[in-house]
Amino acid sequence: MYERLWQALLDTVLMVSTSALIALVAGIPLAVFLVLAAPEGLIKAPYAQRSLAAVINGFRATPFIVLLVALLPLTRLITGTTIGVWAAVVPLSISATPFFARIAEVSLREVDGGLIEAAQAIGCKRWHIVRHVLLPEALPGIVGGFTITVVSMIGASAMAGAVGAGGLGDMAIRYGYQRFDTTVMAAVIVVLIALVCAVQLSGDAVVRRLKAR
């Protein structure tokens, strides 16, 4: 059991870390666009902003298990399979990206407008404002939001085990639930709790260091 538990933990870490990286890379540009394209933003493209916001809200409103099943054809097209760790990365990434984008958007909107006006007054261009004002000022909130996103992805990865995605969720269902082995179930729960606590504590520590600067 310990060998299977260790392998399941490694699979979960692999699928969550890969999906989290994709969500980070895709989510921040989406959040920046949502802020800049707002009616009071620097670009002012409200129609495009509302359209993107509607798409993001649609993905956020869809339960992960439903999204997981609905994306099976896309998952098969991208990875060539619908089971295993890499097959779970596709729905995890698509589910986490809009969630993280909204959290990052809130952090970006909380940046003091006076700083942006000051940057505009000295002739800074939009990219410089985003690079040197918006993102640095919102970074603690973005990191905190990313931590929440990763924690939610750990839970979603366990849910993905219901369709053979591998990892701790798959082990809990296959060896715990289907075989009525409470020891396996308890072990998986303990490992999941420890993993979530480790991620949350690490994220909180990074946020504290950023705020202390």
N, C-alpha and C. Protein backbone atom coordinates (compact mmCIF):
# COMPACT_ATOMS: atom_id res chain seq x y z
N MET A 1 0.82 -1.20 0.00
CA MET A 1 0.00 0.00 0.00
C MET A 1 0.87 1.26 0.00
N TYR A 2 1.99 1.21 0.73
CA TYR A 2 2.83 2.41 0.83
C TYR A 2 3.45 2.79 -0.51
N GLU A 3 3.82 1.78 -1.30
CA GLU A 3 4.36 2.07 -2.62
C GLU A 3 3.30 2.70 -3.51
N ARG A 4 2.09 2.15 -3.46
CA ARG A 4 0.99 2.72 -4.25
C ARG A 4 0.64 4.12 -3.78
N LEU A 5 0.66 4.32 -2.47
CA LEU A 5 0.34 5.63 -1.92
C LEU A 5 1.39 6.67 -2.36
N TRP A 6 2.66 6.28 -2.31
CA TRP A 6 3.73 7.19 -2.74
C TRP A 6 3.60 7.53 -4.21
N GLN A 7 3.33 6.52 -5.06
CA GLN A 7 3.17 6.76 -6.48
C GLN A 7 1.95 7.63 -6.76
N ALA A 8 0.87 7.39 -6.02
CA ALA A 8 -0.34 8.20 -6.19
C ALA A 8 -0.07 9.66 -5.80
N LEU A 9 0.71 9.86 -4.75
CA LEU A 9 1.07 11.22 -4.34
C LEU A 9 1.89 11.91 -5.42
N LEU A 10 2.86 11.20 -5.99
CA LEU A 10 3.68 11.78 -7.06
C LEU A 10 2.82 12.13 -8.28
N ASP A 11 1.86 11.25 -8.61
CA ASP A 11 0.97 11.53 -9.75
C ASP A 11 0.13 12.77 -9.48
N THR A 12 -0.38 12.90 -8.26
CA THR A 12 -1.19 14.06 -7.91
C THR A 12 -0.37 15.34 -7.98
N VAL A 13 0.84 15.31 -7.45
CA VAL A 13 1.72 16.48 -7.49
C VAL A 13 2.03 16.86 -8.93
N LEU A 14 2.27 15.86 -9.78
CA LEU A 14 2.60 16.12 -11.18
C LEU A 14 1.42 16.77 -11.90
N MET A 15 0.23 16.21 -11.75
CA MET A 15 -0.91 16.75 -12.49
C MET A 15 -1.32 18.13 -11.97
N VAL A 16 -1.23 18.32 -10.64
CA VAL A 16 -1.62 19.62 -10.08
C VAL A 16 -0.59 20.69 -10.42
N SER A 17 0.70 20.37 -10.30
CA SER A 17 1.73 21.38 -10.59
C SER A 17 1.72 21.77 -12.06
N THR A 18 1.55 20.81 -12.96
CA THR A 18 1.49 21.13 -14.38
C THR A 18 0.28 21.99 -14.71
N SER A 19 -0.87 21.60 -14.18
CA SER A 19 -2.10 22.36 -14.42
C SER A 19 -2.02 23.74 -13.79
N ALA A 20 -1.40 23.83 -12.61
CA ALA A 20 -1.27 25.13 -11.95
C ALA A 20 -0.38 26.07 -12.75
N LEU A 21 0.69 25.54 -13.33
CA LEU A 21 1.57 26.36 -14.16
C LEU A 21 0.83 26.90 -15.38
N ILE A 22 0.03 26.05 -16.01
CA ILE A 22 -0.76 26.49 -17.17
C ILE A 22 -1.77 27.56 -16.75
N ALA A 23 -2.43 27.33 -15.61
CA ALA A 23 -3.41 28.31 -15.12
C ALA A 23 -2.75 29.64 -14.79
N LEU A 24 -1.53 29.59 -14.25
CA LEU A 24 -0.81 30.82 -13.92
C LEU A 24 -0.45 31.60 -15.17
N VAL A 25 0.09 30.90 -16.16
CA VAL A 25 0.53 31.55 -17.40
C VAL A 25 -0.66 32.11 -18.18
N ALA A 26 -1.78 31.39 -18.17
CA ALA A 26 -2.95 31.85 -18.93
C ALA A 26 -3.83 32.79 -18.13
N GLY A 27 -3.88 32.62 -16.81
CA GLY A 27 -4.80 33.39 -16.00
C GLY A 27 -4.41 34.84 -15.82
N ILE A 28 -3.13 35.11 -15.65
CA ILE A 28 -2.69 36.50 -15.43
C ILE A 28 -2.97 37.38 -16.64
N PRO A 29 -2.65 36.98 -17.87
CA PRO A 29 -3.02 37.83 -19.02
C PRO A 29 -4.52 38.07 -19.12
N LEU A 30 -5.32 37.04 -18.81
CA LEU A 30 -6.77 37.22 -18.83
C LEU A 30 -7.20 38.26 -17.80
N ALA A 31 -6.63 38.17 -16.60
CA ALA A 31 -6.97 39.12 -15.54
C ALA A 31 -6.55 40.53 -15.92
N VAL A 32 -5.37 40.68 -16.48
CA VAL A 32 -4.89 42.00 -16.89
C VAL A 32 -5.81 42.59 -17.96
N PHE A 33 -6.23 41.77 -18.91
CA PHE A 33 -7.13 42.28 -19.96
C PHE A 33 -8.48 42.69 -19.38
N LEU A 34 -9.00 41.89 -18.46
CA LEU A 34 -10.29 42.23 -17.84
C LEU A 34 -10.22 43.58 -17.13
N VAL A 35 -9.08 43.88 -16.52
CA VAL A 35 -8.93 45.15 -15.82
C VAL A 35 -8.70 46.29 -16.80
N LEU A 36 -7.83 46.09 -17.77
CA LEU A 36 -7.50 47.17 -18.71
C LEU A 36 -8.66 47.50 -19.65
N ALA A 37 -9.45 46.49 -20.01
CA ALA A 37 -10.53 46.70 -20.97
C ALA A 37 -11.83 47.14 -20.33
N ALA A 38 -11.87 47.25 -19.03
CA ALA A 38 -13.07 47.73 -18.34
C ALA A 38 -13.36 49.17 -18.73
N PRO A 39 -14.61 49.62 -18.56
CA PRO A 39 -14.95 51.00 -18.94
C PRO A 39 -14.05 52.06 -18.31
N GLU A 40 -13.55 51.77 -17.09
CA GLU A 40 -12.67 52.73 -16.43
C GLU A 40 -11.20 52.37 -16.60
N GLY A 41 -10.90 51.38 -17.44
CA GLY A 41 -9.53 50.91 -17.60
C GLY A 41 -8.73 51.74 -18.58
N LEU A 42 -7.51 51.28 -18.84
CA LEU A 42 -6.59 52.02 -19.71
C LEU A 42 -6.89 51.81 -21.19
N ILE A 43 -7.50 50.66 -21.53
CA ILE A 43 -7.80 50.38 -22.93
C ILE A 43 -9.23 50.75 -23.28
N LYS A 44 -10.16 50.50 -22.37
CA LYS A 44 -11.58 50.80 -22.56
C LYS A 44 -12.15 50.06 -23.77
N ALA A 45 -12.31 48.75 -23.61
CA ALA A 45 -12.97 47.92 -24.62
C ALA A 45 -14.06 47.13 -23.93
N PRO A 46 -15.16 47.81 -23.54
CA PRO A 46 -16.17 47.15 -22.69
C PRO A 46 -16.84 45.95 -23.32
N TYR A 47 -17.06 45.98 -24.62
CA TYR A 47 -17.74 44.85 -25.26
C TYR A 47 -16.87 43.60 -25.24
N ALA A 48 -15.60 43.76 -25.56
CA ALA A 48 -14.68 42.63 -25.50
C ALA A 48 -14.52 42.15 -24.06
N GLN A 49 -14.49 43.08 -23.13
CA GLN A 49 -14.34 42.71 -21.73
C GLN A 49 -15.54 41.92 -21.23
N ARG A 50 -16.74 42.37 -21.60
CA ARG A 50 -17.95 41.67 -21.18
C ARG A 50 -18.05 40.29 -21.82
N SER A 51 -17.64 40.18 -23.08
CA SER A 51 -17.68 38.88 -23.76
C SER A 51 -16.74 37.89 -23.08
N LEU A 52 -15.51 38.34 -22.80
CA LEU A 52 -14.55 37.46 -22.12
C LEU A 52 -15.04 37.12 -20.71
N ALA A 53 -15.61 38.09 -20.02
CA ALA A 53 -16.12 37.84 -18.67
C ALA A 53 -17.25 36.81 -18.70
N ALA A 54 -18.09 36.85 -19.73
CA ALA A 54 -19.19 35.89 -19.85
C ALA A 54 -18.65 34.47 -20.06
N VAL A 55 -17.62 34.35 -20.89
CA VAL A 55 -17.02 33.04 -21.12
C VAL A 55 -16.39 32.50 -19.83
N ILE A 56 -15.66 33.35 -19.13
CA ILE A 56 -15.03 32.95 -17.87
C ILE A 56 -16.08 32.54 -16.85
N ASN A 57 -17.15 33.31 -16.75
CA ASN A 57 -18.22 32.96 -15.80
C ASN A 57 -18.88 31.64 -16.17
N GLY A 58 -18.99 31.37 -17.47
CA GLY A 58 -19.58 30.11 -17.90
C GLY A 58 -18.76 28.91 -17.45
N PHE A 59 -17.44 29.00 -17.61
CA PHE A 59 -16.58 27.90 -17.16
C PHE A 59 -16.59 27.79 -15.64
N ARG A 60 -16.61 28.93 -14.95
CA ARG A 60 -16.61 28.89 -13.49
C ARG A 60 -17.90 28.30 -12.95
N ALA A 61 -19.01 28.51 -13.66
CA ALA A 61 -20.30 28.03 -13.17
C ALA A 61 -20.51 26.53 -13.42
N THR A 62 -19.66 25.94 -14.26
CA THR A 62 -19.81 24.52 -14.59
C THR A 62 -19.11 23.66 -13.54
N PRO A 63 -19.81 22.75 -12.90
CA PRO A 63 -19.15 21.86 -11.93
C PRO A 63 -18.01 21.09 -12.58
N PHE A 64 -16.95 20.86 -11.80
CA PHE A 64 -15.76 20.25 -12.39
C PHE A 64 -16.04 18.88 -12.97
N ILE A 65 -16.84 18.08 -12.29
CA ILE A 65 -17.10 16.71 -12.78
C ILE A 65 -17.84 16.75 -14.11
N VAL A 66 -18.73 17.75 -14.30
CA VAL A 66 -19.43 17.90 -15.58
C VAL A 66 -18.46 18.36 -16.66
N LEU A 67 -17.61 19.34 -16.31
CA LEU A 67 -16.61 19.82 -17.25
C LEU A 67 -15.64 18.71 -17.64
N LEU A 68 -15.29 17.88 -16.68
CA LEU A 68 -14.38 16.77 -16.92
C LEU A 68 -14.92 15.84 -17.99
N VAL A 69 -16.20 15.50 -17.88
CA VAL A 69 -16.83 14.60 -18.85
C VAL A 69 -17.02 15.30 -20.19
N ALA A 70 -17.44 16.57 -20.16
CA ALA A 70 -17.70 17.30 -21.40
C ALA A 70 -16.44 17.50 -22.22
N LEU A 71 -15.29 17.57 -21.55
CA LEU A 71 -14.03 17.82 -22.25
C LEU A 71 -13.32 16.54 -22.69
N LEU A 72 -13.95 15.40 -22.52
CA LEU A 72 -13.30 14.13 -22.91
C LEU A 72 -12.86 14.11 -24.37
N PRO A 73 -13.70 14.58 -25.33
CA PRO A 73 -13.21 14.59 -26.73
C PRO A 73 -11.99 15.49 -26.92
N LEU A 74 -11.98 16.67 -26.28
CA LEU A 74 -10.82 17.55 -26.38
C LEU A 74 -9.60 16.93 -25.70
N THR A 75 -9.83 16.29 -24.57
CA THR A 75 -8.73 15.63 -23.87
C THR A 75 -8.11 14.54 -24.73
N ARG A 76 -8.96 13.76 -25.38
CA ARG A 76 -8.45 12.69 -26.27
C ARG A 76 -7.71 13.28 -27.45
N LEU A 77 -8.19 14.42 -27.97
CA LEU A 77 -7.53 15.06 -29.11
C LEU A 77 -6.14 15.56 -28.73
N ILE A 78 -6.01 16.12 -27.52
CA ILE A 78 -4.74 16.72 -27.11
C ILE A 78 -3.75 15.68 -26.61
N THR A 79 -4.21 14.76 -25.78
CA THR A 79 -3.30 13.80 -25.14
C THR A 79 -3.33 12.41 -25.75
N GLY A 80 -4.35 12.12 -26.57
CA GLY A 80 -4.45 10.80 -27.16
C GLY A 80 -5.10 9.78 -26.26
N THR A 81 -5.54 10.18 -25.07
CA THR A 81 -6.18 9.27 -24.12
C THR A 81 -7.10 10.06 -23.22
N THR A 82 -7.98 9.35 -22.52
CA THR A 82 -8.90 10.00 -21.58
C THR A 82 -8.68 9.50 -20.16
N ILE A 83 -7.63 8.72 -19.94
CA ILE A 83 -7.32 8.24 -18.60
C ILE A 83 -5.85 8.54 -18.31
N GLY A 84 -5.54 8.58 -17.04
CA GLY A 84 -4.16 8.82 -16.65
C GLY A 84 -3.91 10.27 -16.24
N VAL A 85 -2.69 10.51 -15.79
CA VAL A 85 -2.33 11.81 -15.24
C VAL A 85 -2.42 12.92 -16.28
N TRP A 86 -1.85 12.71 -17.45
CA TRP A 86 -1.81 13.78 -18.46
C TRP A 86 -3.19 14.08 -19.01
N ALA A 87 -4.07 13.09 -19.02
CA ALA A 87 -5.45 13.35 -19.45
C ALA A 87 -6.17 14.26 -18.45
N ALA A 88 -5.79 14.18 -17.18
CA ALA A 88 -6.43 15.02 -16.16
C ALA A 88 -5.94 16.46 -16.22
N VAL A 89 -4.76 16.67 -16.80
CA VAL A 89 -4.20 18.02 -16.86
C VAL A 89 -5.09 18.95 -17.69
N VAL A 90 -5.68 18.44 -18.75
CA VAL A 90 -6.50 19.28 -19.64
C VAL A 90 -7.70 19.87 -18.91
N PRO A 91 -8.59 19.06 -18.34
CA PRO A 91 -9.74 19.66 -17.64
C PRO A 91 -9.33 20.45 -16.39
N LEU A 92 -8.29 20.01 -15.70
CA LEU A 92 -7.84 20.76 -14.52
C LEU A 92 -7.39 22.17 -14.92
N SER A 93 -6.63 22.26 -15.99
CA SER A 93 -6.14 23.57 -16.44
C SER A 93 -7.29 24.46 -16.89
N ILE A 94 -8.21 23.90 -17.66
CA ILE A 94 -9.33 24.69 -18.18
C ILE A 94 -10.25 25.13 -17.04
N SER A 95 -10.38 24.31 -16.03
CA SER A 95 -11.22 24.66 -14.89
C SER A 95 -10.56 25.70 -13.99
N ALA A 96 -9.24 25.56 -13.79
CA ALA A 96 -8.54 26.44 -12.85
C ALA A 96 -8.23 27.81 -13.44
N THR A 97 -8.02 27.90 -14.74
CA THR A 97 -7.62 29.17 -15.35
C THR A 97 -8.66 30.28 -15.14
N PRO A 98 -9.96 30.07 -15.43
CA PRO A 98 -10.92 31.14 -15.17
C PRO A 98 -11.06 31.48 -13.70
N PHE A 99 -10.96 30.47 -12.85
CA PHE A 99 -11.04 30.69 -11.41
C PHE A 99 -9.91 31.60 -10.94
N PHE A 100 -8.70 31.29 -11.36
CA PHE A 100 -7.55 32.10 -10.96
C PHE A 100 -7.59 33.48 -11.61
N ALA A 101 -8.07 33.56 -12.85
CA ALA A 101 -8.16 34.85 -13.54
C ALA A 101 -9.05 35.81 -12.77
N ARG A 102 -10.15 35.32 -12.26
CA ARG A 102 -11.06 36.19 -11.50
C ARG A 102 -10.42 36.65 -10.18
N ILE A 103 -9.71 35.75 -9.51
CA ILE A 103 -9.05 36.14 -8.26
C ILE A 103 -7.95 37.17 -8.54
N ALA A 104 -7.17 36.94 -9.59
CA ALA A 104 -6.12 37.90 -9.95
C ALA A 104 -6.72 39.23 -10.37
N GLU A 105 -7.87 39.19 -11.03
CA GLU A 105 -8.54 40.43 -11.44
C GLU A 105 -8.90 41.27 -10.22
N VAL A 106 -9.43 40.63 -9.18
CA VAL A 106 -9.78 41.35 -7.96
C VAL A 106 -8.55 42.02 -7.35
N SER A 107 -7.43 41.29 -7.32
CA SER A 107 -6.21 41.86 -6.77
C SER A 107 -5.72 43.05 -7.59
N LEU A 108 -5.82 42.96 -8.90
CA LEU A 108 -5.39 44.06 -9.76
C LEU A 108 -6.29 45.29 -9.61
N ARG A 109 -7.58 45.06 -9.40
CA ARG A 109 -8.51 46.18 -9.24
C ARG A 109 -8.29 46.92 -7.92
N GLU A 110 -7.68 46.25 -6.95
CA GLU A 110 -7.46 46.87 -5.66
C GLU A 110 -6.22 47.77 -5.63
N VAL A 111 -5.47 47.79 -6.71
CA VAL A 111 -4.29 48.67 -6.77
C VAL A 111 -4.75 50.12 -6.72
N ASP A 112 -4.09 50.93 -5.95
CA ASP A 112 -4.45 52.34 -5.78
C ASP A 112 -4.43 53.07 -7.13
N GLY A 113 -5.57 53.67 -7.47
CA GLY A 113 -5.66 54.39 -8.73
C GLY A 113 -4.71 55.57 -8.81
N GLY A 114 -4.32 56.12 -7.66
CA GLY A 114 -3.39 57.24 -7.66
C GLY A 114 -2.04 56.86 -8.22
N LEU A 115 -1.62 55.61 -8.00
CA LEU A 115 -0.35 55.16 -8.54
C LEU A 115 -0.39 55.10 -10.07
N ILE A 116 -1.53 54.65 -10.59
CA ILE A 116 -1.67 54.58 -12.05
C ILE A 116 -1.69 55.98 -12.64
N GLU A 117 -2.42 56.88 -12.00
CA GLU A 117 -2.46 58.27 -12.49
C GLU A 117 -1.08 58.92 -12.44
N ALA A 118 -0.33 58.62 -11.40
CA ALA A 118 1.03 59.18 -11.31
C ALA A 118 1.92 58.64 -12.43
N ALA A 119 1.77 57.35 -12.73
CA ALA A 119 2.56 56.76 -13.82
C ALA A 119 2.17 57.37 -15.16
N GLN A 120 0.87 57.62 -15.35
CA GLN A 120 0.43 58.25 -16.59
C GLN A 120 0.95 59.68 -16.69
N ALA A 121 1.02 60.35 -15.56
CA ALA A 121 1.45 61.75 -15.55
C ALA A 121 2.90 61.91 -15.98
N ILE A 122 3.72 60.90 -15.70
CA ILE A 122 5.13 61.00 -16.08
C ILE A 122 5.40 60.35 -17.44
N GLY A 123 4.30 59.98 -18.13
CA GLY A 123 4.44 59.51 -19.50
C GLY A 123 4.63 58.02 -19.68
N CYS A 124 4.34 57.23 -18.67
CA CYS A 124 4.49 55.77 -18.80
C CYS A 124 3.46 55.21 -19.78
N LYS A 125 3.87 54.27 -20.59
CA LYS A 125 2.95 53.61 -21.50
C LYS A 125 2.20 52.50 -20.77
N ARG A 126 1.18 51.96 -21.46
CA ARG A 126 0.33 50.96 -20.81
C ARG A 126 1.13 49.76 -20.32
N TRP A 127 2.03 49.27 -21.17
CA TRP A 127 2.79 48.09 -20.79
C TRP A 127 3.66 48.37 -19.57
N HIS A 128 4.25 49.57 -19.51
CA HIS A 128 5.07 49.91 -18.36
C HIS A 128 4.23 50.02 -17.09
N ILE A 129 3.02 50.53 -17.23
CA ILE A 129 2.13 50.62 -16.07
C ILE A 129 1.77 49.23 -15.57
N VAL A 130 1.47 48.33 -16.50
CA VAL A 130 1.15 46.96 -16.11
C VAL A 130 2.36 46.28 -15.48
N ARG A 131 3.52 46.45 -16.10
CA ARG A 131 4.74 45.75 -15.66
C ARG A 131 5.29 46.31 -14.36
N HIS A 132 5.24 47.63 -14.20
CA HIS A 132 5.94 48.24 -13.07
C HIS A 132 5.01 48.77 -11.98
N VAL A 133 3.71 48.82 -12.24
CA VAL A 133 2.78 49.32 -11.23
C VAL A 133 1.74 48.27 -10.86
N LEU A 134 0.92 47.86 -11.82
CA LEU A 134 -0.18 46.95 -11.52
C LEU A 134 0.29 45.62 -10.94
N LEU A 135 1.13 44.91 -11.68
CA LEU A 135 1.55 43.58 -11.24
C LEU A 135 2.35 43.60 -9.94
N PRO A 136 3.35 44.47 -9.77
CA PRO A 136 4.08 44.48 -8.49
C PRO A 136 3.19 44.81 -7.30
N GLU A 137 2.29 45.77 -7.46
CA GLU A 137 1.43 46.16 -6.34
C GLU A 137 0.41 45.07 -6.00
N ALA A 138 -0.04 44.35 -7.00
CA ALA A 138 -1.05 43.31 -6.78
C ALA A 138 -0.44 41.95 -6.49
N LEU A 139 0.90 41.84 -6.50
CA LEU A 139 1.55 40.54 -6.39
C LEU A 139 1.19 39.76 -5.13
N PRO A 140 1.16 40.37 -3.93
CA PRO A 140 0.76 39.58 -2.75
C PRO A 140 -0.63 38.97 -2.89
N GLY A 141 -1.59 39.75 -3.41
CA GLY A 141 -2.93 39.22 -3.62
C GLY A 141 -2.97 38.13 -4.67
N ILE A 142 -2.17 38.30 -5.72
CA ILE A 142 -2.13 37.29 -6.78
C ILE A 142 -1.56 35.98 -6.24
N VAL A 143 -0.49 36.07 -5.45
CA VAL A 143 0.11 34.86 -4.87
C VAL A 143 -0.87 34.19 -3.92
N GLY A 144 -1.56 34.99 -3.10
CA GLY A 144 -2.57 34.42 -2.22
C GLY A 144 -3.69 33.74 -2.99
N GLY A 145 -4.13 34.38 -4.08
CA GLY A 145 -5.16 33.77 -4.92
C GLY A 145 -4.68 32.52 -5.62
N PHE A 146 -3.41 32.52 -6.03
CA PHE A 146 -2.86 31.33 -6.68
C PHE A 146 -2.79 30.17 -5.69
N THR A 147 -2.49 30.48 -4.43
CA THR A 147 -2.46 29.44 -3.41
C THR A 147 -3.85 28.81 -3.25
N ILE A 148 -4.87 29.65 -3.20
CA ILE A 148 -6.24 29.14 -3.11
C ILE A 148 -6.58 28.28 -4.33
N THR A 149 -6.13 28.72 -5.49
CA THR A 149 -6.39 27.97 -6.72
C THR A 149 -5.75 26.59 -6.67
N VAL A 150 -4.50 26.52 -6.22
CA VAL A 150 -3.80 25.23 -6.14
C VAL A 150 -4.50 24.30 -5.15
N VAL A 151 -4.95 24.85 -4.02
CA VAL A 151 -5.66 24.02 -3.04
C VAL A 151 -6.94 23.46 -3.65
N SER A 152 -7.68 24.29 -4.37
CA SER A 152 -8.90 23.79 -5.01
C SER A 152 -8.59 22.76 -6.09
N MET A 153 -7.45 22.91 -6.75
CA MET A 153 -7.06 21.95 -7.78
C MET A 153 -6.70 20.59 -7.18
N ILE A 154 -6.18 20.60 -5.97
CA ILE A 154 -5.89 19.32 -5.30
C ILE A 154 -7.19 18.55 -5.08
N GLY A 155 -8.22 19.27 -4.63
CA GLY A 155 -9.52 18.62 -4.47
C GLY A 155 -10.10 18.15 -5.79
N ALA A 156 -9.94 18.96 -6.84
CA ALA A 156 -10.45 18.57 -8.15
C ALA A 156 -9.69 17.38 -8.71
N SER A 157 -8.39 17.31 -8.44
CA SER A 157 -7.60 16.17 -8.93
C SER A 157 -8.06 14.87 -8.28
N ALA A 158 -8.46 14.96 -7.00
CA ALA A 158 -9.00 13.77 -6.33
C ALA A 158 -10.32 13.37 -6.96
N MET A 159 -11.13 14.37 -7.34
CA MET A 159 -12.41 14.08 -8.00
C MET A 159 -12.18 13.45 -9.37
N ALA A 160 -11.10 13.85 -10.03
CA ALA A 160 -10.81 13.31 -11.36
C ALA A 160 -10.49 11.82 -11.30
N GLY A 161 -10.15 11.32 -10.11
CA GLY A 161 -9.91 9.89 -9.96
C GLY A 161 -11.12 9.04 -10.26
N ALA A 162 -12.32 9.66 -10.24
CA ALA A 162 -13.55 8.92 -10.54
C ALA A 162 -13.59 8.43 -11.97
N VAL A 163 -12.82 9.07 -12.87
CA VAL A 163 -12.80 8.64 -14.27
C VAL A 163 -11.43 8.10 -14.65
N GLY A 164 -10.70 7.62 -13.66
CA GLY A 164 -9.42 6.96 -13.94
C GLY A 164 -8.29 7.90 -14.24
N ALA A 165 -8.28 9.09 -13.62
CA ALA A 165 -7.23 10.06 -13.90
C ALA A 165 -5.94 9.75 -13.17
N GLY A 166 -5.96 8.82 -12.25
CA GLY A 166 -4.76 8.51 -11.48
C GLY A 166 -4.64 9.41 -10.27
N GLY A 167 -3.59 9.22 -9.49
CA GLY A 167 -3.37 10.04 -8.32
C GLY A 167 -4.08 9.51 -7.09
N LEU A 168 -4.15 10.34 -6.08
CA LEU A 168 -4.72 9.94 -4.80
C LEU A 168 -6.21 9.64 -4.89
N GLY A 169 -6.94 10.43 -5.69
CA GLY A 169 -8.36 10.17 -5.85
C GLY A 169 -8.63 8.82 -6.47
N ASP A 170 -7.86 8.46 -7.48
CA ASP A 170 -8.02 7.15 -8.13
C ASP A 170 -7.72 6.03 -7.15
N MET A 171 -6.70 6.21 -6.34
CA MET A 171 -6.36 5.19 -5.36
C MET A 171 -7.46 5.04 -4.31
N ALA A 172 -8.01 6.17 -3.87
CA ALA A 172 -9.08 6.11 -2.86
C ALA A 172 -10.30 5.38 -3.40
N ILE A 173 -10.64 5.63 -4.66
CA ILE A 173 -11.83 5.00 -5.24
C ILE A 173 -11.58 3.52 -5.54
N ARG A 174 -10.42 3.25 -6.17
CA ARG A 174 -10.16 1.88 -6.63
C ARG A 174 -9.84 0.93 -5.48
N TYR A 175 -8.96 1.37 -4.58
CA TYR A 175 -8.51 0.47 -3.52
C TYR A 175 -9.21 0.70 -2.19
N GLY A 176 -9.81 1.86 -2.02
CA GLY A 176 -10.51 2.13 -0.77
C GLY A 176 -12.00 1.90 -0.86
N TYR A 177 -12.67 2.64 -1.75
CA TYR A 177 -14.12 2.58 -1.85
C TYR A 177 -14.60 1.25 -2.44
N GLN A 178 -14.05 0.87 -3.61
CA GLN A 178 -14.54 -0.32 -4.30
C GLN A 178 -14.18 -1.61 -3.56
N ARG A 179 -13.11 -1.60 -2.78
CA ARG A 179 -12.71 -2.79 -2.03
C ARG A 179 -13.06 -2.69 -0.55
N PHE A 180 -13.76 -1.63 -0.19
CA PHE A 180 -14.20 -1.43 1.20
C PHE A 180 -13.03 -1.47 2.18
N ASP A 181 -11.94 -0.85 1.79
CA ASP A 181 -10.74 -0.82 2.64
C ASP A 181 -10.64 0.56 3.29
N THR A 182 -11.07 0.65 4.54
CA THR A 182 -11.07 1.94 5.23
C THR A 182 -9.65 2.42 5.52
N THR A 183 -8.70 1.50 5.62
CA THR A 183 -7.32 1.90 5.87
C THR A 183 -6.78 2.74 4.73
N VAL A 184 -7.04 2.30 3.50
CA VAL A 184 -6.58 3.04 2.33
C VAL A 184 -7.27 4.40 2.27
N MET A 185 -8.57 4.43 2.52
CA MET A 185 -9.30 5.69 2.50
C MET A 185 -8.73 6.67 3.52
N ALA A 186 -8.48 6.18 4.72
CA ALA A 186 -7.95 7.04 5.78
C ALA A 186 -6.55 7.54 5.41
N ALA A 187 -5.72 6.69 4.83
CA ALA A 187 -4.37 7.08 4.45
C ALA A 187 -4.40 8.17 3.38
N VAL A 188 -5.28 8.00 2.39
CA VAL A 188 -5.40 9.00 1.32
C VAL A 188 -5.87 10.34 1.88
N ILE A 189 -6.83 10.30 2.78
CA ILE A 189 -7.34 11.54 3.38
C ILE A 189 -6.25 12.26 4.15
N VAL A 190 -5.46 11.51 4.91
CA VAL A 190 -4.38 12.12 5.68
C VAL A 190 -3.35 12.77 4.75
N VAL A 191 -3.00 12.08 3.68
CA VAL A 191 -2.02 12.62 2.73
C VAL A 191 -2.57 13.87 2.04
N LEU A 192 -3.84 13.85 1.67
CA LEU A 192 -4.44 15.02 1.04
C LEU A 192 -4.46 16.23 1.98
N ILE A 193 -4.80 15.98 3.24
CA ILE A 193 -4.80 17.07 4.22
C ILE A 193 -3.39 17.63 4.39
N ALA A 194 -2.40 16.75 4.48
CA ALA A 194 -1.02 17.19 4.63
C ALA A 194 -0.56 17.99 3.41
N LEU A 195 -0.96 17.55 2.23
CA LEU A 195 -0.57 18.25 1.00
C LEU A 195 -1.20 19.64 0.94
N VAL A 196 -2.47 19.72 1.28
CA VAL A 196 -3.16 21.01 1.28
C VAL A 196 -2.53 21.96 2.30
N CYS A 197 -2.24 21.45 3.48
CA CYS A 197 -1.62 22.29 4.52
C CYS A 197 -0.25 22.79 4.07
N ALA A 198 0.53 21.93 3.43
CA ALA A 198 1.85 22.33 2.96
C ALA A 198 1.75 23.44 1.92
N VAL A 199 0.81 23.31 0.99
CA VAL A 199 0.63 24.34 -0.04
C VAL A 199 0.17 25.64 0.58
N GLN A 200 -0.81 25.57 1.50
CA GLN A 200 -1.34 26.79 2.11
C GLN A 200 -0.28 27.50 2.95
N LEU A 201 0.46 26.76 3.73
CA LEU A 201 1.50 27.37 4.56
C LEU A 201 2.60 28.00 3.71
N SER A 202 2.97 27.32 2.63
CA SER A 202 3.99 27.88 1.74
C SER A 202 3.51 29.16 1.08
N GLY A 203 2.26 29.14 0.60
CA GLY A 203 1.71 30.34 -0.02
C GLY A 203 1.61 31.50 0.95
N ASP A 204 1.17 31.22 2.18
CA ASP A 204 1.06 32.28 3.20
C ASP A 204 2.43 32.87 3.53
N ALA A 205 3.45 32.02 3.57
CA ALA A 205 4.80 32.50 3.87
C ALA A 205 5.31 33.43 2.76
N VAL A 206 5.03 33.07 1.52
CA VAL A 206 5.46 33.92 0.40
C VAL A 206 4.73 35.27 0.45
N VAL A 207 3.44 35.23 0.73
CA VAL A 207 2.67 36.48 0.81
C VAL A 207 3.22 37.38 1.91
N ARG A 208 3.54 36.82 3.05
CA ARG A 208 4.10 37.62 4.15
C ARG A 208 5.42 38.27 3.76
N ARG A 209 6.25 37.53 3.05
CA ARG A 209 7.54 38.09 2.62
C ARG A 209 7.35 39.20 1.62
N LEU A 210 6.37 39.04 0.73
CA LEU A 210 6.12 40.09 -0.26
C LEU A 210 5.58 41.36 0.40
N LYS A 211 4.73 41.19 1.38
CA LYS A 211 4.16 42.37 2.07
C LYS A 211 5.20 43.06 2.95
N ALA A 212 6.22 42.30 3.39
CA ALA A 212 7.23 42.87 4.27
C ALA A 212 8.26 43.69 3.50
N ARG A 213 8.24 43.62 2.19
CA ARG A 213 9.22 44.37 1.39
C ARG A 213 8.99 45.87 1.51
